[in-house]
Amino acid sequence: MDLTRVFAPDLFDGKTVFVTGGGSGINLGIAKCFARLGADVAICGRTQEKLDAAAEELRALGAKVSTRAADVRDMDALSAAMETARDELGPIDVLVAGAAGNFPAPAEKLSANGFKSVIDIDLLGSFNAARSAFEQLKETNGCIIFISAGQAFMPYAMQAHVGAAKAGIDNMMRTLALEWGRFGIRANSIVPGPIRGTEGMKRLAPAGMDDKLAKLVPMQRMGEVDDVGQVACFLASPLAGYVTGSLVMADGGMNLPGSGVWAQVFGEMAGGK
């Protein structure tokens, strides 16, 4: 979809959007959607080489771009990246907290370190991002968009660690909406469905499974990164100026029938055991 046929092409002119985990996948797709609508974009991630490649794609869309390698688990590094973004682009208007980790693992085989790793990247990383951006968002009356998952509210086989992390993110999102509304800051979460071609799908489902996965979604198709990016642009726009504390589904109805069908996919990955 051509976003400029729906939104004004200058909707985010003069606005700064900061995206954690913005070097690839859904998060880069979100960043591109904002860039197409005039935003300047800052991205952080753990690999500078990946950030540099993503920055070229964003600049090709007309955006000014700031990049700085930072692990969201490291508050000091993340805060430094946000200060760099402020110096190069201006104060943050929109924070997209999207950095995440995932791998399928049955609970009885999941190590404490594996569980902690996902909690630290997803939940602690989201808190670090929101807390680091607070002063800038307060200045701009900005908004936070967290990237959640169906595992937050529905049990998924082999996803105990992810479910715990994402449920924590959504509860934190609502708490921040409650506490920070008085500062003019809104907070919402997006729940993506299965998004074609992303690293997350490569980790969760076997290669060549797109057609089978699509049949498990009520809308009978895999999602695209723009399906999530378009929702993010809406939530950051004046059209959603009174929307806060909300969980917005962009999953094609995937979670409506429950997670049992997905257990079949994970079962195939585990060799039917």
Protein backbone atom coordinates (compact mmCIF):
# COMPACT_ATOMS: atom_id res chain seq x y z
CA MET A 1 0.00 0.00 0.00
CA ASP A 2 1.14 3.52 -0.80
CA LEU A 3 0.97 5.19 2.62
CA THR A 4 0.80 8.64 1.06
CA ARG A 5 -2.60 7.78 -0.44
CA VAL A 6 -3.97 7.38 3.09
CA PHE A 7 -1.81 9.67 5.21
CA ALA A 8 -0.46 13.11 4.35
CA PRO A 9 3.09 12.61 2.98
CA ASP A 10 4.37 15.27 5.38
CA LEU A 11 2.51 13.88 8.41
CA PHE A 12 5.68 13.42 10.44
CA ASP A 13 7.78 16.25 9.03
CA GLY A 14 10.01 17.63 11.76
CA LYS A 15 9.35 14.60 14.00
CA THR A 16 11.97 12.22 15.35
CA VAL A 17 11.17 8.52 15.64
CA PHE A 18 13.51 6.29 17.65
CA VAL A 19 13.31 2.53 16.99
CA THR A 20 15.07 -0.09 19.09
CA GLY A 21 16.08 -3.19 17.18
CA GLY A 22 15.65 -1.05 14.07
CA GLY A 23 18.29 -2.70 11.94
CA SER A 24 16.05 -5.37 10.46
CA GLY A 25 12.68 -7.11 10.33
CA ILE A 26 9.46 -5.66 11.65
CA ASN A 27 11.23 -2.79 13.37
CA LEU A 28 13.02 -1.66 10.22
CA GLY A 29 9.70 -1.97 8.38
CA ILE A 30 8.11 0.34 10.94
CA ALA A 31 10.98 2.79 10.58
CA LYS A 32 10.52 2.81 6.80
CA CYS A 33 6.81 3.59 7.12
CA PHE A 34 7.60 6.61 9.27
CA ALA A 35 10.34 7.69 6.85
CA ARG A 36 7.88 7.59 3.95
CA LEU A 37 5.72 10.07 5.84
CA GLY A 38 8.47 12.58 6.46
CA ALA A 39 9.93 11.50 9.82
CA ASP A 40 13.59 11.60 10.75
CA VAL A 41 14.57 8.23 12.15
CA ALA A 42 17.04 7.02 14.77
CA ILE A 43 17.72 3.31 15.03
CA CYS A 44 19.75 1.30 17.49
CA GLY A 45 20.77 -2.32 17.67
CA ARG A 46 23.71 -4.46 18.64
CA THR A 47 25.44 -4.56 15.23
CA GLN A 48 26.66 -1.31 13.67
CA GLU A 49 27.11 -2.95 10.27
CA LYS A 50 23.44 -3.92 10.19
CA LEU A 51 22.43 -0.43 11.32
CA ASP A 52 24.52 1.16 8.57
CA ALA A 53 22.82 -0.95 5.90
CA ALA A 54 19.38 -0.11 7.32
CA ALA A 55 20.29 3.58 7.43
CA GLU A 56 20.98 3.58 3.69
CA GLU A 57 17.50 2.18 3.05
CA LEU A 58 15.95 4.87 5.24
CA ARG A 59 17.95 7.68 3.62
CA ALA A 60 16.78 6.45 0.22
CA LEU A 61 13.25 7.28 1.43
CA GLY A 62 14.30 10.84 2.24
CA ALA A 63 14.83 10.54 5.99
CA LYS A 64 17.61 12.01 8.05
CA VAL A 65 19.01 9.09 10.03
CA SER A 66 20.94 8.64 13.26
CA THR A 67 22.49 5.30 14.17
CA ARG A 68 24.40 4.12 17.19
CA ALA A 69 25.03 0.58 18.31
CA ALA A 70 23.44 -0.11 21.70
CA ASP A 71 22.18 -3.18 23.51
CA VAL A 72 18.80 -2.39 25.07
CA ARG A 73 19.89 -4.32 28.17
CA ASP A 74 22.54 -1.63 28.77
CA MET A 75 20.77 1.50 30.05
CA ASP A 76 23.86 3.70 29.70
CA ALA A 77 24.48 2.68 26.09
CA LEU A 78 20.82 3.12 25.20
CA SER A 79 20.66 6.55 26.85
CA ALA A 80 23.78 7.57 24.94
CA ALA A 81 22.17 6.50 21.65
CA MET A 82 19.12 8.61 22.45
CA GLU A 83 21.27 11.62 23.28
CA THR A 84 23.05 11.19 19.96
CA ALA A 85 19.67 11.07 18.23
CA ARG A 86 18.62 14.26 19.99
CA ASP A 87 21.81 16.04 18.95
CA GLU A 88 21.52 14.93 15.33
CA LEU A 89 17.75 14.97 14.75
CA GLY A 90 16.01 16.71 17.64
CA PRO A 91 14.06 15.42 20.63
CA ILE A 92 12.23 12.11 20.31
CA ASP A 93 8.54 12.33 19.39
CA VAL A 94 7.88 8.62 18.93
CA LEU A 95 9.62 5.70 20.62
CA VAL A 96 9.14 2.25 19.10
CA ALA A 97 10.34 -0.33 21.62
CA GLY A 98 10.74 -3.31 19.35
CA ALA A 99 14.00 -5.06 20.25
CA ALA A 100 13.21 -8.69 21.05
CA GLY A 101 14.64 -12.16 21.32
CA ASN A 102 12.91 -15.48 20.70
CA PHE A 103 13.58 -19.15 20.16
CA PRO A 104 11.30 -22.16 20.57
CA ALA A 105 12.02 -24.27 23.62
CA PRO A 106 9.89 -26.65 25.70
CA ALA A 107 9.75 -25.43 29.29
CA GLU A 108 11.32 -28.60 30.67
CA LYS A 109 14.40 -28.00 28.52
CA LEU A 110 14.55 -24.20 28.87
CA SER A 111 17.56 -23.09 30.91
CA ALA A 112 17.45 -20.28 33.45
CA ASN A 113 19.86 -18.32 31.27
CA GLY A 114 17.68 -18.82 28.22
CA PHE A 115 14.61 -17.62 30.10
CA LYS A 116 16.49 -14.65 31.54
CA SER A 117 17.91 -13.69 28.15
CA VAL A 118 14.45 -13.15 26.64
CA ILE A 119 13.17 -11.37 29.75
CA ASP A 120 16.19 -9.06 29.69
CA ILE A 121 15.99 -8.21 25.99
CA ASP A 122 12.21 -7.89 25.71
CA LEU A 123 10.97 -6.67 29.10
CA LEU A 124 13.98 -5.00 30.68
CA GLY A 125 14.97 -3.61 27.28
CA SER A 126 11.51 -2.08 26.81
CA PHE A 127 11.66 -0.49 30.25
CA ASN A 128 15.16 0.84 29.59
CA ALA A 129 13.98 2.37 26.32
CA ALA A 130 10.92 4.02 27.84
CA ARG A 131 12.82 5.30 30.86
CA SER A 132 15.71 6.62 28.76
CA ALA A 133 13.33 8.42 26.39
CA PHE A 134 11.08 9.86 29.13
CA GLU A 135 12.52 13.37 29.34
CA GLN A 136 12.51 13.79 25.56
CA LEU A 137 8.98 12.41 25.23
CA LYS A 138 7.82 14.70 28.02
CA GLU A 139 9.25 17.64 26.08
CA THR A 140 7.47 16.68 22.85
CA ASN A 141 4.25 15.21 24.31
CA GLY A 142 5.32 12.11 22.48
CA CYS A 143 4.20 8.51 22.43
CA ILE A 144 5.55 5.02 22.98
CA ILE A 145 4.69 2.02 20.84
CA PHE A 146 5.64 -1.36 22.26
CA ILE A 147 5.82 -4.44 20.04
CA SER A 148 4.01 -7.24 21.85
CA ALA A 149 2.86 -10.71 20.78
CA GLY A 150 -0.07 -13.09 21.14
CA GLN A 151 2.01 -15.03 23.66
CA ALA A 152 1.34 -12.17 26.10
CA PHE A 153 -2.28 -13.20 26.62
CA MET A 154 -2.49 -16.76 25.30
CA PRO A 155 -0.34 -19.79 26.17
CA TYR A 156 1.79 -20.94 23.25
CA ALA A 157 3.69 -24.21 23.32
CA MET A 158 7.46 -23.77 23.59
CA GLN A 159 7.08 -20.07 24.39
CA ALA A 160 6.97 -19.81 28.20
CA HIS A 161 9.84 -17.31 28.21
CA VAL A 162 8.34 -15.13 25.50
CA GLY A 163 4.88 -15.16 27.06
CA ALA A 164 6.25 -14.02 30.39
CA ALA A 165 8.25 -11.21 28.77
CA LYS A 166 5.48 -9.92 26.51
CA ALA A 167 2.83 -10.09 29.25
CA GLY A 168 5.14 -7.95 31.35
CA ILE A 169 5.53 -5.46 28.52
CA ASP A 170 1.78 -5.05 28.10
CA ASN A 171 1.18 -4.56 31.81
CA MET A 172 4.02 -2.02 31.90
CA MET A 173 2.53 -0.29 28.85
CA ARG A 174 -0.78 0.21 30.65
CA THR A 175 0.98 1.40 33.79
CA LEU A 176 2.98 3.96 31.82
CA ALA A 177 -0.19 5.12 30.07
CA LEU A 178 -1.72 5.60 33.52
CA GLU A 179 1.26 7.35 35.09
CA TRP A 180 2.63 9.36 32.17
CA GLY A 181 -0.61 10.59 30.67
CA ARG A 182 -0.28 13.70 32.82
CA PHE A 183 2.94 14.48 30.96
CA GLY A 184 1.17 14.23 27.61
CA ILE A 185 2.79 10.86 26.84
CA ARG A 186 0.68 8.08 25.32
CA ALA A 187 1.63 4.38 25.40
CA ASN A 188 0.19 1.53 23.34
CA SER A 189 1.18 -1.96 22.14
CA ILE A 190 0.89 -3.63 18.75
CA VAL A 191 0.47 -7.40 18.44
CA PRO A 192 1.82 -8.56 15.05
CA GLY A 193 0.78 -11.82 13.47
CA PRO A 194 3.12 -14.07 11.44
CA ILE A 195 5.13 -11.62 9.32
CA ARG A 196 6.67 -12.96 6.13
CA GLY A 197 10.43 -12.97 5.73
CA THR A 198 11.37 -11.82 9.22
CA GLU A 199 14.03 -13.30 11.47
CA GLY A 200 11.37 -14.12 14.04
CA MET A 201 9.45 -16.32 11.61
CA LYS A 202 12.65 -18.04 10.50
CA ARG A 203 13.32 -18.99 14.11
CA LEU A 204 9.80 -20.08 14.94
CA ALA A 205 8.76 -22.00 11.84
CA PRO A 206 10.51 -24.37 9.43
CA ALA A 207 11.54 -23.13 6.00
CA GLY A 208 8.89 -23.47 3.33
CA MET A 209 6.00 -23.32 5.80
CA ASP A 210 4.50 -19.99 4.67
CA ASP A 211 1.58 -21.54 2.80
CA LYS A 212 0.66 -23.80 5.70
CA LEU A 213 1.00 -20.95 8.18
CA ALA A 214 -1.20 -18.72 6.05
CA LYS A 215 -4.02 -21.28 6.23
CA LEU A 216 -3.94 -21.06 10.03
CA VAL A 217 -4.72 -17.32 9.90
CA PRO A 218 -8.40 -16.36 9.53
CA MET A 219 -7.49 -13.84 6.81
CA GLN A 220 -5.70 -16.66 4.95
CA ARG A 221 -2.44 -14.80 4.38
CA MET A 222 0.86 -14.06 6.03
CA GLY A 223 1.40 -10.53 7.24
CA GLU A 224 3.84 -8.06 5.72
CA VAL A 225 6.05 -5.66 7.67
CA ASP A 226 3.95 -2.75 6.39
CA ASP A 227 0.87 -4.25 8.06
CA VAL A 228 2.54 -3.45 11.37
CA GLY A 229 4.19 -0.21 10.27
CA GLN A 230 0.91 1.25 9.10
CA VAL A 231 -0.69 0.62 12.50
CA ALA A 232 2.32 2.23 14.18
CA CYS A 233 1.93 5.35 12.02
CA PHE A 234 -1.75 5.57 12.94
CA LEU A 235 -1.01 5.22 16.66
CA ALA A 236 1.62 7.97 16.45
CA SER A 237 -0.62 10.30 14.45
CA PRO A 238 -3.08 12.93 15.70
CA LEU A 239 -5.87 10.53 14.67
CA ALA A 240 -4.96 8.47 17.75
CA GLY A 241 -4.46 11.45 20.02
CA TYR A 242 -6.89 10.07 22.62
CA VAL A 243 -5.75 6.45 22.35
CA THR A 244 -3.54 5.23 25.17
CA GLY A 245 -3.19 2.04 27.20
CA SER A 246 -4.46 0.00 24.25
CA LEU A 247 -3.40 -3.32 22.76
CA VAL A 248 -3.91 -3.17 18.99
CA MET A 249 -4.02 -6.43 17.05
CA ALA A 250 -2.38 -6.53 13.62
CA ASP A 251 -2.44 -10.30 13.28
CA GLY A 252 -5.04 -11.12 10.64
CA GLY A 253 -7.12 -12.74 13.39
CA MET A 254 -4.39 -15.28 14.15
CA ASN A 255 -5.08 -15.42 17.87
CA LEU A 256 -8.87 -15.73 17.60
CA PRO A 257 -8.98 -19.54 17.27
CA GLY A 258 -6.37 -20.08 20.00
CA SER A 259 -2.80 -21.27 19.87
CA GLY A 260 -3.43 -25.00 19.44
CA VAL A 261 -2.93 -24.95 15.69
CA TRP A 262 0.45 -23.36 16.18
CA ALA A 263 1.42 -26.17 18.54
CA GLN A 264 1.26 -28.43 15.48
CA VAL A 265 3.87 -26.30 13.74
CA PHE A 266 6.14 -26.31 16.76
CA GLY A 267 5.58 -30.07 17.04
CA GLU A 268 6.88 -30.53 13.51
CA MET A 269 9.96 -28.53 14.42
CA ALA A 270 10.56 -30.87 17.34
CA GLY A 271 10.21 -33.92 15.14
CA GLY A 272 6.68 -34.71 16.28
CA LYS A 273 7.70 -35.21 19.89
